Amino acid sequence: MNAHSMPEADISGAGGVAAEELKQFIERIERLEEEKAGIAGDIKDVMAELKGRGFDVKAVRTILRLRKQDHSERQEQEAILELYMQALGMS
C-alpha cells in the first residue's frame, strides 16, 4: 500500500474530532521530543564527567555500541575485523 492509497482522516468532519486527535498526537510527539532532548543533555553531561575522570569517551562509546549487539553478531564482526587486519599485516 503506498502513501496515495492510504485512507486519510477526515479533519474537518464530526465537529473537529479528527482535528483534535491530530492535535493530541502532535502534542505527544512534542513532549517526547523535549524528553529526548533532556536525556541527550544528560548523556552529554555523563560523558563529560567520565572524560573529566580520565576515561576515554571514544572507547566508552564503542563499548556502548558493542553491548547493544547480539553476542553472535559481535563475534562475527570481530572475526571479520581480525581477518582483514591479518590480510593487511596489522596483527
N, C-alpha and C. Protein backbone atom coordinates (compact mmCIF):
# COMPACT_ATOMS: atom_id res chain seq x y z
N MET A 1 0.85 -1.16 0.00
CA MET A 1 0.00 0.00 0.00
C MET A 1 0.90 1.23 0.00
N ASN A 2 0.72 2.13 -0.96
CA ASN A 2 1.54 3.33 -0.99
C ASN A 2 0.83 4.49 -0.30
N ALA A 3 1.54 5.60 -0.18
CA ALA A 3 1.00 6.75 0.55
C ALA A 3 -0.24 7.32 -0.12
N HIS A 4 -0.37 7.17 -1.43
CA HIS A 4 -1.51 7.73 -2.14
C HIS A 4 -2.78 6.92 -1.93
N SER A 5 -2.66 5.64 -1.61
CA SER A 5 -3.85 4.81 -1.46
C SER A 5 -4.25 4.63 0.01
N MET A 6 -3.52 5.26 0.92
CA MET A 6 -3.85 5.13 2.33
C MET A 6 -5.05 6.01 2.67
N PRO A 7 -5.96 5.52 3.51
CA PRO A 7 -7.10 6.35 3.88
C PRO A 7 -6.64 7.55 4.70
N GLU A 8 -7.28 8.67 4.49
CA GLU A 8 -6.93 9.88 5.22
C GLU A 8 -8.00 10.17 6.26
N ALA A 9 -7.59 10.73 7.40
CA ALA A 9 -8.54 11.11 8.43
C ALA A 9 -9.33 12.31 7.96
N ASP A 10 -10.60 12.34 8.29
CA ASP A 10 -11.44 13.49 7.95
C ASP A 10 -11.23 14.55 9.02
N ILE A 11 -10.41 15.53 8.73
CA ILE A 11 -10.03 16.54 9.71
C ILE A 11 -11.14 17.55 9.92
N SER A 12 -11.97 17.79 8.91
CA SER A 12 -12.98 18.83 9.03
C SER A 12 -14.30 18.30 9.58
N GLY A 13 -14.56 17.01 9.47
CA GLY A 13 -15.86 16.47 9.83
C GLY A 13 -15.99 16.13 11.30
N ALA A 14 -17.19 15.76 11.70
CA ALA A 14 -17.53 15.26 13.04
C ALA A 14 -17.15 16.24 14.14
N GLY A 15 -17.39 17.51 13.88
CA GLY A 15 -17.17 18.51 14.93
C GLY A 15 -15.71 18.67 15.32
N GLY A 16 -14.80 18.40 14.40
CA GLY A 16 -13.38 18.59 14.69
C GLY A 16 -12.76 17.48 15.50
N VAL A 17 -13.41 16.33 15.60
CA VAL A 17 -12.87 15.22 16.39
C VAL A 17 -11.53 14.77 15.84
N ALA A 18 -11.41 14.60 14.53
CA ALA A 18 -10.15 14.16 13.94
C ALA A 18 -9.08 15.23 14.12
N ALA A 19 -9.46 16.49 14.01
CA ALA A 19 -8.50 17.58 14.22
C ALA A 19 -7.99 17.57 15.65
N GLU A 20 -8.86 17.31 16.60
CA GLU A 20 -8.44 17.25 18.00
C GLU A 20 -7.52 16.06 18.23
N GLU A 21 -7.83 14.94 17.61
CA GLU A 21 -6.97 13.76 17.72
C GLU A 21 -5.59 14.05 17.13
N LEU A 22 -5.55 14.70 15.97
CA LEU A 22 -4.29 15.07 15.35
C LEU A 22 -3.49 16.00 16.27
N LYS A 23 -4.16 16.97 16.85
CA LYS A 23 -3.51 17.90 17.78
C LYS A 23 -2.91 17.14 18.96
N GLN A 24 -3.63 16.16 19.48
CA GLN A 24 -3.13 15.36 20.60
C GLN A 24 -1.89 14.57 20.20
N PHE A 25 -1.87 14.00 19.01
CA PHE A 25 -0.68 13.29 18.53
C PHE A 25 0.51 14.24 18.44
N ILE A 26 0.28 15.41 17.85
CA ILE A 26 1.35 16.39 17.70
C ILE A 26 1.90 16.80 19.06
N GLU A 27 1.03 17.05 20.01
CA GLU A 27 1.46 17.46 21.35
C GLU A 27 2.23 16.34 22.05
N ARG A 28 1.80 15.09 21.86
CA ARG A 28 2.54 13.96 22.44
C ARG A 28 3.94 13.88 21.88
N ILE A 29 4.04 14.04 20.55
CA ILE A 29 5.35 13.99 19.91
C ILE A 29 6.23 15.12 20.40
N GLU A 30 5.66 16.30 20.54
CA GLU A 30 6.43 17.44 21.04
C GLU A 30 6.96 17.18 22.46
N ARG A 31 6.12 16.60 23.33
CA ARG A 31 6.58 16.28 24.69
C ARG A 31 7.70 15.25 24.65
N LEU A 32 7.56 14.24 23.80
CA LEU A 32 8.59 13.22 23.69
C LEU A 32 9.89 13.80 23.16
N GLU A 33 9.79 14.72 22.20
CA GLU A 33 10.99 15.39 21.68
C GLU A 33 11.69 16.18 22.78
N GLU A 34 10.92 16.84 23.65
CA GLU A 34 11.50 17.57 24.78
C GLU A 34 12.22 16.62 25.73
N GLU A 35 11.57 15.49 26.02
CA GLU A 35 12.19 14.49 26.90
C GLU A 35 13.48 13.95 26.28
N LYS A 36 13.43 13.70 24.97
CA LYS A 36 14.59 13.18 24.26
C LYS A 36 15.75 14.17 24.34
N ALA A 37 15.46 15.45 24.16
CA ALA A 37 16.50 16.48 24.26
C ALA A 37 17.08 16.52 25.67
N GLY A 38 16.23 16.38 26.66
CA GLY A 38 16.70 16.35 28.05
C GLY A 38 17.60 15.16 28.32
N ILE A 39 17.22 14.01 27.83
CA ILE A 39 18.02 12.80 28.02
C ILE A 39 19.35 12.92 27.29
N ALA A 40 19.31 13.48 26.07
CA ALA A 40 20.56 13.68 25.31
C ALA A 40 21.50 14.59 26.09
N GLY A 41 20.94 15.62 26.71
CA GLY A 41 21.76 16.51 27.54
C GLY A 41 22.35 15.79 28.73
N ASP A 42 21.55 14.93 29.36
CA ASP A 42 22.04 14.14 30.50
C ASP A 42 23.19 13.23 30.08
N ILE A 43 23.05 12.58 28.92
CA ILE A 43 24.10 11.70 28.42
C ILE A 43 25.37 12.49 28.15
N LYS A 44 25.22 13.66 27.57
CA LYS A 44 26.37 14.53 27.30
C LYS A 44 27.07 14.89 28.61
N ASP A 45 26.30 15.20 29.64
CA ASP A 45 26.88 15.53 30.95
C ASP A 45 27.65 14.35 31.53
N VAL A 46 27.09 13.14 31.42
CA VAL A 46 27.76 11.95 31.94
C VAL A 46 29.06 11.69 31.18
N MET A 47 29.01 11.88 29.85
CA MET A 47 30.23 11.69 29.05
C MET A 47 31.30 12.70 29.46
N ALA A 48 30.90 13.95 29.71
CA ALA A 48 31.86 14.96 30.15
C ALA A 48 32.43 14.60 31.52
N GLU A 49 31.59 14.06 32.39
CA GLU A 49 32.04 13.65 33.71
C GLU A 49 33.05 12.51 33.62
N LEU A 50 32.75 11.51 32.80
CA LEU A 50 33.68 10.38 32.70
C LEU A 50 34.98 10.81 32.04
N LYS A 51 34.91 11.75 31.08
CA LYS A 51 36.13 12.27 30.47
C LYS A 51 36.95 13.02 31.51
N GLY A 52 36.27 13.78 32.35
CA GLY A 52 36.95 14.50 33.42
C GLY A 52 37.61 13.59 34.43
N ARG A 53 37.10 12.38 34.55
CA ARG A 53 37.67 11.40 35.47
C ARG A 53 38.76 10.57 34.81
N GLY A 54 39.10 10.90 33.53
CA GLY A 54 40.22 10.24 32.87
C GLY A 54 39.85 9.09 31.95
N PHE A 55 38.57 8.83 31.75
CA PHE A 55 38.16 7.74 30.86
C PHE A 55 38.14 8.24 29.42
N ASP A 56 38.37 7.34 28.48
CA ASP A 56 38.36 7.66 27.06
C ASP A 56 36.93 7.58 26.53
N VAL A 57 36.38 8.71 26.12
CA VAL A 57 34.99 8.78 25.67
C VAL A 57 34.76 7.92 24.44
N LYS A 58 35.70 7.94 23.50
CA LYS A 58 35.55 7.15 22.28
C LYS A 58 35.47 5.65 22.60
N ALA A 59 36.30 5.20 23.52
CA ALA A 59 36.28 3.79 23.91
C ALA A 59 34.96 3.44 24.60
N VAL A 60 34.47 4.34 25.44
CA VAL A 60 33.20 4.09 26.13
C VAL A 60 32.05 4.02 25.11
N ARG A 61 32.05 4.92 24.13
CA ARG A 61 31.01 4.89 23.10
C ARG A 61 31.06 3.57 22.32
N THR A 62 32.29 3.08 22.05
CA THR A 62 32.44 1.80 21.36
C THR A 62 31.87 0.67 22.21
N ILE A 63 32.16 0.69 23.49
CA ILE A 63 31.64 -0.34 24.39
C ILE A 63 30.12 -0.30 24.42
N LEU A 64 29.54 0.89 24.50
CA LEU A 64 28.08 1.02 24.50
C LEU A 64 27.48 0.44 23.21
N ARG A 65 28.11 0.74 22.08
CA ARG A 65 27.63 0.22 20.80
C ARG A 65 27.73 -1.31 20.77
N LEU A 66 28.85 -1.85 21.26
CA LEU A 66 29.04 -3.30 21.27
C LEU A 66 28.06 -4.00 22.20
N ARG A 67 27.75 -3.39 23.33
CA ARG A 67 26.82 -4.00 24.28
C ARG A 67 25.40 -4.08 23.73
N LYS A 68 25.07 -3.24 22.75
CA LYS A 68 23.74 -3.28 22.14
C LYS A 68 23.61 -4.44 21.16
N GLN A 69 24.74 -4.95 20.68
CA GLN A 69 24.72 -6.00 19.66
C GLN A 69 24.48 -7.37 20.29
N ASP A 70 23.90 -8.24 19.49
CA ASP A 70 23.76 -9.64 19.86
C ASP A 70 25.17 -10.24 19.94
N HIS A 71 25.36 -11.18 20.85
CA HIS A 71 26.68 -11.78 21.06
C HIS A 71 27.23 -12.41 19.78
N SER A 72 26.42 -13.17 19.07
CA SER A 72 26.91 -13.82 17.85
C SER A 72 27.21 -12.79 16.76
N GLU A 73 26.44 -11.74 16.69
CA GLU A 73 26.70 -10.67 15.71
C GLU A 73 28.03 -9.99 16.01
N ARG A 74 28.27 -9.75 17.29
CA ARG A 74 29.53 -9.12 17.70
C ARG A 74 30.71 -10.04 17.39
N GLN A 75 30.58 -11.34 17.65
CA GLN A 75 31.65 -12.29 17.36
C GLN A 75 31.95 -12.33 15.86
N GLU A 76 30.90 -12.30 15.04
CA GLU A 76 31.08 -12.32 13.60
C GLU A 76 31.84 -11.07 13.13
N GLN A 77 31.46 -9.91 13.64
CA GLN A 77 32.14 -8.67 13.26
C GLN A 77 33.59 -8.67 13.71
N GLU A 78 33.85 -9.19 14.91
CA GLU A 78 35.22 -9.26 15.41
C GLU A 78 36.06 -10.21 14.56
N ALA A 79 35.47 -11.33 14.12
CA ALA A 79 36.20 -12.28 13.29
C ALA A 79 36.53 -11.67 11.93
N ILE A 80 35.60 -10.94 11.36
CA ILE A 80 35.85 -10.29 10.07
C ILE A 80 36.94 -9.22 10.22
N LEU A 81 36.86 -8.44 11.29
CA LEU A 81 37.87 -7.42 11.55
C LEU A 81 39.25 -8.05 11.70
N GLU A 82 39.33 -9.13 12.45
CA GLU A 82 40.60 -9.82 12.65
C GLU A 82 41.14 -10.35 11.32
N LEU A 83 40.27 -10.93 10.49
CA LEU A 83 40.67 -11.42 9.18
C LEU A 83 41.24 -10.30 8.32
N TYR A 84 40.55 -9.17 8.28
CA TYR A 84 41.01 -8.04 7.48
C TYR A 84 42.33 -7.49 8.01
N MET A 85 42.49 -7.44 9.33
CA MET A 85 43.72 -6.94 9.91
C MET A 85 44.89 -7.88 9.57
N GLN A 86 44.63 -9.18 9.61
CA GLN A 86 45.67 -10.14 9.24
C GLN A 86 46.05 -9.98 7.77
N ALA A 87 45.06 -9.78 6.91
CA ALA A 87 45.32 -9.61 5.48
C ALA A 87 46.18 -8.38 5.21
N LEU A 88 46.05 -7.37 6.07
CA LEU A 88 46.82 -6.15 5.92
C LEU A 88 48.11 -6.15 6.74
N GLY A 89 48.38 -7.28 7.40
CA GLY A 89 49.60 -7.40 8.21
C GLY A 89 49.58 -6.54 9.47
N MET A 90 48.39 -6.33 10.01
CA MET A 90 48.26 -5.45 11.17
C MET A 90 48.15 -6.20 12.49
N SER A 91 48.15 -7.53 12.47
CA SER A 91 48.04 -8.25 13.74
C SER A 91 49.09 -9.33 13.86
